[in-house]
Amino acid sequence: MKYEFEDVMTTAEAAERWGVSQTSVKHLCTGVQGRPPRLTNEECRKSGRTWLVTRAGMERLYGKEQ
């Protein structure tokens, strides 16, 4: 799947846009307490020390951005 530049964001930006904590968004990529990640490898990835997520992944889990 090809994404437009505005369809990819940091966990901090996604958290602000969807009104959730940045830690919660990061856990979508990494999993938490032994549970698997909720976002797929196509919906999130790490770039250096920063996690990036797609609009499609966030919308799949949280619905459309407010």
PDB file of N, CA and C in Angstrom:
ATOM      1  N   MET A   1       0.850  -1.178   0.000  1.00  0.00           N
ATOM      2  CA  MET A   1       0.000   0.000   0.000  1.00  0.00           C
ATOM      3  C   MET A   1       0.889   1.232   0.000  1.00  0.00           C
ATOM      4  N   LYS A   2       0.530   2.224  -0.790  1.00  0.00           N
ATOM      5  CA  LYS A   2       1.299   3.460  -0.865  1.00  0.00           C
ATOM      6  C   LYS A   2       0.608   4.525  -0.022  1.00  0.00           C
ATOM      7  N   TYR A   3       1.399   5.247   0.765  1.00  0.00           N
ATOM      8  CA  TYR A   3       0.859   6.286   1.638  1.00  0.00           C
ATOM      9  C   TYR A   3       1.316   7.654   1.186  1.00  0.00           C
ATOM     10  N   GLU A   4       0.488   8.642   1.376  1.00  0.00           N
ATOM     11  CA  GLU A   4       0.863  10.034   1.177  1.00  0.00           C
ATOM     12  C   GLU A   4       1.619  10.497   2.420  1.00  0.00           C
ATOM     13  N   PHE A   5       2.408  11.520   2.289  1.00  0.00           N
ATOM     14  CA  PHE A   5       3.228  12.013   3.389  1.00  0.00           C
ATOM     15  C   PHE A   5       2.389  12.316   4.635  1.00  0.00           C
ATOM     16  N   GLU A   6       1.223  12.916   4.455  1.00  0.00           N
ATOM     17  CA  GLU A   6       0.389  13.284   5.607  1.00  0.00           C
ATOM     18  C   GLU A   6      -0.306  12.089   6.244  1.00  0.00           C
ATOM     19  N   ASP A   7      -0.189  10.912   5.659  1.00  0.00           N
ATOM     20  CA  ASP A   7      -0.801   9.699   6.204  1.00  0.00           C
ATOM     21  C   ASP A   7       0.116   8.962   7.177  1.00  0.00           C
ATOM     22  N   VAL A   8       1.341   9.462   7.378  1.00  0.00           N
ATOM     23  CA  VAL A   8       2.297   8.856   8.301  1.00  0.00           C
ATOM     24  C   VAL A   8       2.672   9.908   9.333  1.00  0.00           C
ATOM     25  N   MET A   9       2.692   9.516  10.613  1.00  0.00           N
ATOM     26  CA  MET A   9       2.962  10.482  11.694  1.00  0.00           C
ATOM     27  C   MET A   9       3.688   9.808  12.842  1.00  0.00           C
ATOM     28  N   THR A  10       4.256  10.618  13.714  1.00  0.00           N
ATOM     29  CA  THR A  10       4.893  10.089  14.923  1.00  0.00           C
ATOM     30  C   THR A  10       3.816   9.683  15.922  1.00  0.00           C
ATOM     31  N   THR A  11       4.220   8.919  16.921  1.00  0.00           N
ATOM     32  CA  THR A  11       3.256   8.535  17.961  1.00  0.00           C
ATOM     33  C   THR A  11       2.743   9.765  18.703  1.00  0.00           C
ATOM     34  N   ALA A  12       3.609  10.782  18.875  1.00  0.00           N
ATOM     35  CA  ALA A  12       3.181  12.006  19.565  1.00  0.00           C
ATOM     36  C   ALA A  12       2.094  12.724  18.774  1.00  0.00           C
ATOM     37  N   GLU A  13       2.279  12.835  17.461  1.00  0.00           N
ATOM     38  CA  GLU A  13       1.280  13.498  16.632  1.00  0.00           C
ATOM     39  C   GLU A  13      -0.019  12.703  16.603  1.00  0.00           C
ATOM     40  N   ALA A  14       0.073  11.380  16.469  1.00  0.00           N
ATOM     41  CA  ALA A  14      -1.126  10.543  16.462  1.00  0.00           C
ATOM     42  C   ALA A  14      -1.876  10.670  17.785  1.00  0.00           C
ATOM     43  N   ALA A  15      -1.137  10.677  18.883  1.00  0.00           N
ATOM     44  CA  ALA A  15      -1.768  10.803  20.203  1.00  0.00           C
ATOM     45  C   ALA A  15      -2.536  12.113  20.312  1.00  0.00           C
ATOM     46  N   GLU A  16      -1.941  13.183  19.854  1.00  0.00           N
ATOM     47  CA  GLU A  16      -2.600  14.483  19.913  1.00  0.00           C
ATOM     48  C   GLU A  16      -3.835  14.505  19.007  1.00  0.00           C
ATOM     49  N   ARG A  17      -3.706  13.967  17.809  1.00  0.00           N
ATOM     50  CA  ARG A  17      -4.807  14.010  16.845  1.00  0.00           C
ATOM     51  C   ARG A  17      -5.981  13.127  17.249  1.00  0.00           C
ATOM     52  N   TRP A  18      -5.731  12.020  17.947  1.00  0.00           N
ATOM     53  CA  TRP A  18      -6.818  11.117  18.354  1.00  0.00           C
ATOM     54  C   TRP A  18      -7.173  11.248  19.841  1.00  0.00           C
ATOM     55  N   GLY A  19      -6.479  12.112  20.564  1.00  0.00           N
ATOM     56  CA  GLY A  19      -6.827  12.365  21.957  1.00  0.00           C
ATOM     57  C   GLY A  19      -6.523  11.215  22.899  1.00  0.00           C
ATOM     58  N   VAL A  20      -5.424  10.509  22.652  1.00  0.00           N
ATOM     59  CA  VAL A  20      -4.986   9.427  23.533  1.00  0.00           C
ATOM     60  C   VAL A  20      -3.545   9.716  23.943  1.00  0.00           C
ATOM     61  N   SER A  21      -3.005   8.949  24.879  1.00  0.00           N
ATOM     62  CA  SER A  21      -1.636   9.201  25.318  1.00  0.00           C
ATOM     63  C   SER A  21      -0.627   8.669  24.308  1.00  0.00           C
ATOM     64  N   GLN A  22       0.534   9.305  24.262  1.00  0.00           N
ATOM     65  CA  GLN A  22       1.595   8.862  23.374  1.00  0.00           C
ATOM     66  C   GLN A  22       2.051   7.453  23.733  1.00  0.00           C
ATOM     67  N   THR A  23       2.082   7.141  25.012  1.00  0.00           N
ATOM     68  CA  THR A  23       2.459   5.800  25.457  1.00  0.00           C
ATOM     69  C   THR A  23       1.487   4.757  24.919  1.00  0.00           C
ATOM     70  N   SER A  24       0.209   5.075  24.930  1.00  0.00           N
ATOM     71  CA  SER A  24      -0.791   4.140  24.392  1.00  0.00           C
ATOM     72  C   SER A  24      -0.555   3.866  22.916  1.00  0.00           C
ATOM     73  N   VAL A  25      -0.225   4.897  22.153  1.00  0.00           N
ATOM     74  CA  VAL A  25       0.032   4.716  20.725  1.00  0.00           C
ATOM     75  C   VAL A  25       1.292   3.878  20.525  1.00  0.00           C
ATOM     76  N   LYS A  26       2.325   4.145  21.305  1.00  0.00           N
ATOM     77  CA  LYS A  26       3.559   3.356  21.193  1.00  0.00           C
ATOM     78  C   LYS A  26       3.280   1.880  21.490  1.00  0.00           C
ATOM     79  N   HIS A  27       2.461   1.617  22.491  1.00  0.00           N
ATOM     80  CA  HIS A  27       2.121   0.238  22.838  1.00  0.00           C
ATOM     81  C   HIS A  27       1.345  -0.462  21.714  1.00  0.00           C
ATOM     82  N   LEU A  28       0.656   0.298  20.878  1.00  0.00           N
ATOM     83  CA  LEU A  28      -0.011  -0.304  19.723  1.00  0.00           C
ATOM     84  C   LEU A  28       1.015  -0.932  18.795  1.00  0.00           C
ATOM     85  N   CYS A  29       2.228  -0.372  18.773  1.00  0.00           N
ATOM     86  CA  CYS A  29       3.307  -0.863  17.915  1.00  0.00           C
ATOM     87  C   CYS A  29       4.132  -1.957  18.577  1.00  0.00           C
ATOM     88  N   THR A  30       4.312  -1.859  19.870  1.00  0.00           N
ATOM     89  CA  THR A  30       5.233  -2.762  20.572  1.00  0.00           C
ATOM     90  C   THR A  30       4.539  -3.882  21.327  1.00  0.00           C
ATOM     91  N   GLY A  31       3.253  -3.730  21.587  1.00  0.00           N
ATOM     92  CA  GLY A  31       2.571  -4.656  22.481  1.00  0.00           C
ATOM     93  C   GLY A  31       2.836  -4.213  23.915  1.00  0.00           C
ATOM     94  N   VAL A  32       2.115  -4.790  24.848  1.00  0.00           N
ATOM     95  CA  VAL A  32       2.290  -4.427  26.254  1.00  0.00           C
ATOM     96  C   VAL A  32       1.910  -5.619  27.119  1.00  0.00           C
ATOM     97  N   GLN A  33       2.646  -5.820  28.185  1.00  0.00           N
ATOM     98  CA  GLN A  33       2.382  -6.885  29.154  1.00  0.00           C
ATOM     99  C   GLN A  33       2.201  -8.247  28.491  1.00  0.00           C
ATOM    100  N   GLY A  34       3.095  -8.568  27.562  1.00  0.00           N
ATOM    101  CA  GLY A  34       3.064  -9.869  26.918  1.00  0.00           C
ATOM    102  C   GLY A  34       2.058 -10.026  25.796  1.00  0.00           C
ATOM    103  N   ARG A  35       1.256  -8.998  25.543  1.00  0.00           N
ATOM    104  CA  ARG A  35       0.284  -9.056  24.442  1.00  0.00           C
ATOM    105  C   ARG A  35       0.940  -8.606  23.147  1.00  0.00           C
ATOM    106  N   PRO A  36       0.501  -9.123  22.024  1.00  0.00           N
ATOM    107  CA  PRO A  36       1.097  -8.726  20.740  1.00  0.00           C
ATOM    108  C   PRO A  36       0.689  -7.306  20.355  1.00  0.00           C
ATOM    109  N   PRO A  37       1.442  -6.683  19.461  1.00  0.00           N
ATOM    110  CA  PRO A  37       1.069  -5.352  18.968  1.00  0.00           C
ATOM    111  C   PRO A  37      -0.294  -5.394  18.286  1.00  0.00           C
ATOM    112  N   ARG A  38      -1.028  -4.296  18.369  1.00  0.00           N
ATOM    113  CA  ARG A  38      -2.334  -4.220  17.713  1.00  0.00           C
ATOM    114  C   ARG A  38      -2.220  -3.651  16.303  1.00  0.00           C
ATOM    115  N   LEU A  39      -1.156  -2.886  16.025  1.00  0.00           N
ATOM    116  CA  LEU A  39      -0.913  -2.380  14.681  1.00  0.00           C
ATOM    117  C   LEU A  39      -0.021  -3.368  13.939  1.00  0.00           C
ATOM    118  N   THR A  40      -0.256  -3.522  12.651  1.00  0.00           N
ATOM    119  CA  THR A  40       0.541  -4.439  11.837  1.00  0.00           C
ATOM    120  C   THR A  40       1.859  -3.781  11.426  1.00  0.00           C
ATOM    121  N   ASN A  41       2.745  -4.569  10.838  1.00  0.00           N
ATOM    122  CA  ASN A  41       4.011  -4.040  10.333  1.00  0.00           C
ATOM    123  C   ASN A  41       3.799  -3.040   9.201  1.00  0.00           C
ATOM    124  N   GLU A  42       2.667  -3.090   8.552  1.00  0.00           N
ATOM    125  CA  GLU A  42       2.346  -2.113   7.502  1.00  0.00           C
ATOM    126  C   GLU A  42       1.748  -0.831   8.084  1.00  0.00           C
ATOM    127  N   GLU A  43       1.343  -0.869   9.358  1.00  0.00           N
ATOM    128  CA  GLU A  43       0.712   0.296   9.988  1.00  0.00           C
ATOM    129  C   GLU A  43       1.646   1.045  10.934  1.00  0.00           C
ATOM    130  N   CYS A  44       2.770   0.453  11.290  1.00  0.00           N
ATOM    131  CA  CYS A  44       3.729   1.155  12.140  1.00  0.00           C
ATOM    132  C   CYS A  44       5.123   0.586  11.916  1.00  0.00           C
ATOM    133  N   ARG A  45       6.120   1.436  12.174  1.00  0.00           N
ATOM    134  CA  ARG A  45       7.507   0.990  12.113  1.00  0.00           C
ATOM    135  C   ARG A  45       8.367   1.981  12.868  1.00  0.00           C
ATOM    136  N   LYS A  46       9.536   1.541  13.240  1.00  0.00           N
ATOM    137  CA  LYS A  46      10.462   2.386  13.969  1.00  0.00           C
ATOM    138  C   LYS A  46      11.467   2.973  12.985  1.00  0.00           C
ATOM    139  N   SER A  47      11.696   4.264  13.094  1.00  0.00           N
ATOM    140  CA  SER A  47      12.685   4.966  12.282  1.00  0.00           C
ATOM    141  C   SER A  47      13.659   5.622  13.247  1.00  0.00           C
ATOM    142  N   GLY A  48      14.853   5.039  13.383  1.00  0.00           N
ATOM    143  CA  GLY A  48      15.782   5.528  14.402  1.00  0.00           C
ATOM    144  C   GLY A  48      15.203   5.243  15.769  1.00  0.00           C
ATOM    145  N   ARG A  49      14.998   6.290  16.557  1.00  0.00           N
ATOM    146  CA  ARG A  49      14.415   6.134  17.895  1.00  0.00           C
ATOM    147  C   ARG A  49      12.940   6.507  17.927  1.00  0.00           C
ATOM    148  N   THR A  50      12.359   6.784  16.773  1.00  0.00           N
ATOM    149  CA  THR A  50      10.987   7.281  16.683  1.00  0.00           C
ATOM    150  C   THR A  50      10.072   6.251  16.029  1.00  0.00           C
ATOM    151  N   TRP A  51       8.926   5.986  16.664  1.00  0.00           N
ATOM    152  CA  TRP A  51       7.909   5.132  16.068  1.00  0.00           C
ATOM    153  C   TRP A  51       7.035   5.972  15.157  1.00  0.00           C
ATOM    154  N   LEU A  52       6.735   5.430  13.976  1.00  0.00           N
ATOM    155  CA  LEU A  52       5.835   6.070  13.020  1.00  0.00           C
ATOM    156  C   LEU A  52       4.609   5.193  12.841  1.00  0.00           C
ATOM    157  N   VAL A  53       3.447   5.830  12.733  1.00  0.00           N
ATOM    158  CA  VAL A  53       2.196   5.095  12.546  1.00  0.00           C
ATOM    159  C   VAL A  53       1.442   5.692  11.361  1.00  0.00           C
ATOM    160  N   THR A  54       0.563   4.905  10.779  1.00  0.00           N
ATOM    161  CA  THR A  54      -0.231   5.389   9.651  1.00  0.00           C
ATOM    162  C   THR A  54      -1.621   5.816  10.106  1.00  0.00           C
ATOM    163  N   ARG A  55      -2.182   6.727   9.329  1.00  0.00           N
ATOM    164  CA  ARG A  55      -3.561   7.155   9.567  1.00  0.00           C
ATOM    165  C   ARG A  55      -4.495   5.940   9.474  1.00  0.00           C
ATOM    166  N   ALA A  56      -4.249   5.055   8.504  1.00  0.00           N
ATOM    167  CA  ALA A  56      -5.107   3.882   8.315  1.00  0.00           C
ATOM    168  C   ALA A  56      -5.123   3.003   9.567  1.00  0.00           C
ATOM    169  N   GLY A  57      -3.969   2.801  10.185  1.00  0.00           N
ATOM    170  CA  GLY A  57      -3.900   1.995  11.401  1.00  0.00           C
ATOM    171  C   GLY A  57      -4.646   2.637  12.552  1.00  0.00           C
ATOM    172  N   MET A  58      -4.462   3.943  12.714  1.00  0.00           N
ATOM    173  CA  MET A  58      -5.148   4.651  13.798  1.00  0.00           C
ATOM    174  C   MET A  58      -6.658   4.641  13.568  1.00  0.00           C
ATOM    175  N   GLU A  59      -7.079   4.841  12.332  1.00  0.00           N
ATOM    176  CA  GLU A  59      -8.517   4.833  12.044  1.00  0.00           C
ATOM    177  C   GLU A  59      -9.109   3.445  12.234  1.00  0.00           C
ATOM    178  N   ARG A  60      -8.354   2.422  11.918  1.00  0.00           N
ATOM    179  CA  ARG A  60      -8.856   1.052  12.110  1.00  0.00           C
ATOM    180  C   ARG A  60      -9.142   0.796  13.589  1.00  0.00           C
ATOM    181  N   LEU A  61      -8.290   1.310  14.477  1.00  0.00           N
ATOM    182  CA  LEU A  61      -8.453   1.052  15.906  1.00  0.00           C
ATOM    183  C   LEU A  61      -9.304   2.098  16.630  1.00  0.00           C
ATOM    184  N   TYR A  62      -9.211   3.368  16.228  1.00  0.00           N
ATOM    185  CA  TYR A  62      -9.867   4.443  16.969  1.00  0.00           C
ATOM    186  C   TYR A  62     -10.961   5.168  16.194  1.00  0.00           C
ATOM    187  N   GLY A  63     -11.139   4.845  14.919  1.00  0.00           N
ATOM    188  CA  GLY A  63     -12.119   5.547  14.119  1.00  0.00           C
ATOM    189  C   GLY A  63     -11.512   6.796  13.502  1.00  0.00           C
ATOM    190  N   LYS A  64     -12.344   7.521  12.765  1.00  0.00           N
ATOM    191  CA  LYS A  64     -11.890   8.727  12.076  1.00  0.00           C
ATOM    192  C   LYS A  64     -11.389   9.768  13.074  1.00  0.00           C
ATOM    193  N   GLU A  65     -10.420  10.529  12.637  1.00  0.00           N
ATOM    194  CA  GLU A  65      -9.874  11.625  13.450  1.00  0.00           C
ATOM    195  C   GLU A  65     -10.957  12.661  13.682  1.00  0.00           C
ATOM    196  N   GLN A  66     -11.025  13.192  14.891  1.00  0.00           N
ATOM    197  CA  GLN A  66     -12.052  14.209  15.229  1.00  0.00           C
ATOM    198  C   GLN A  66     -11.733  15.535  14.597  1.00  0.00           C
TER     199      GLN A  66
END
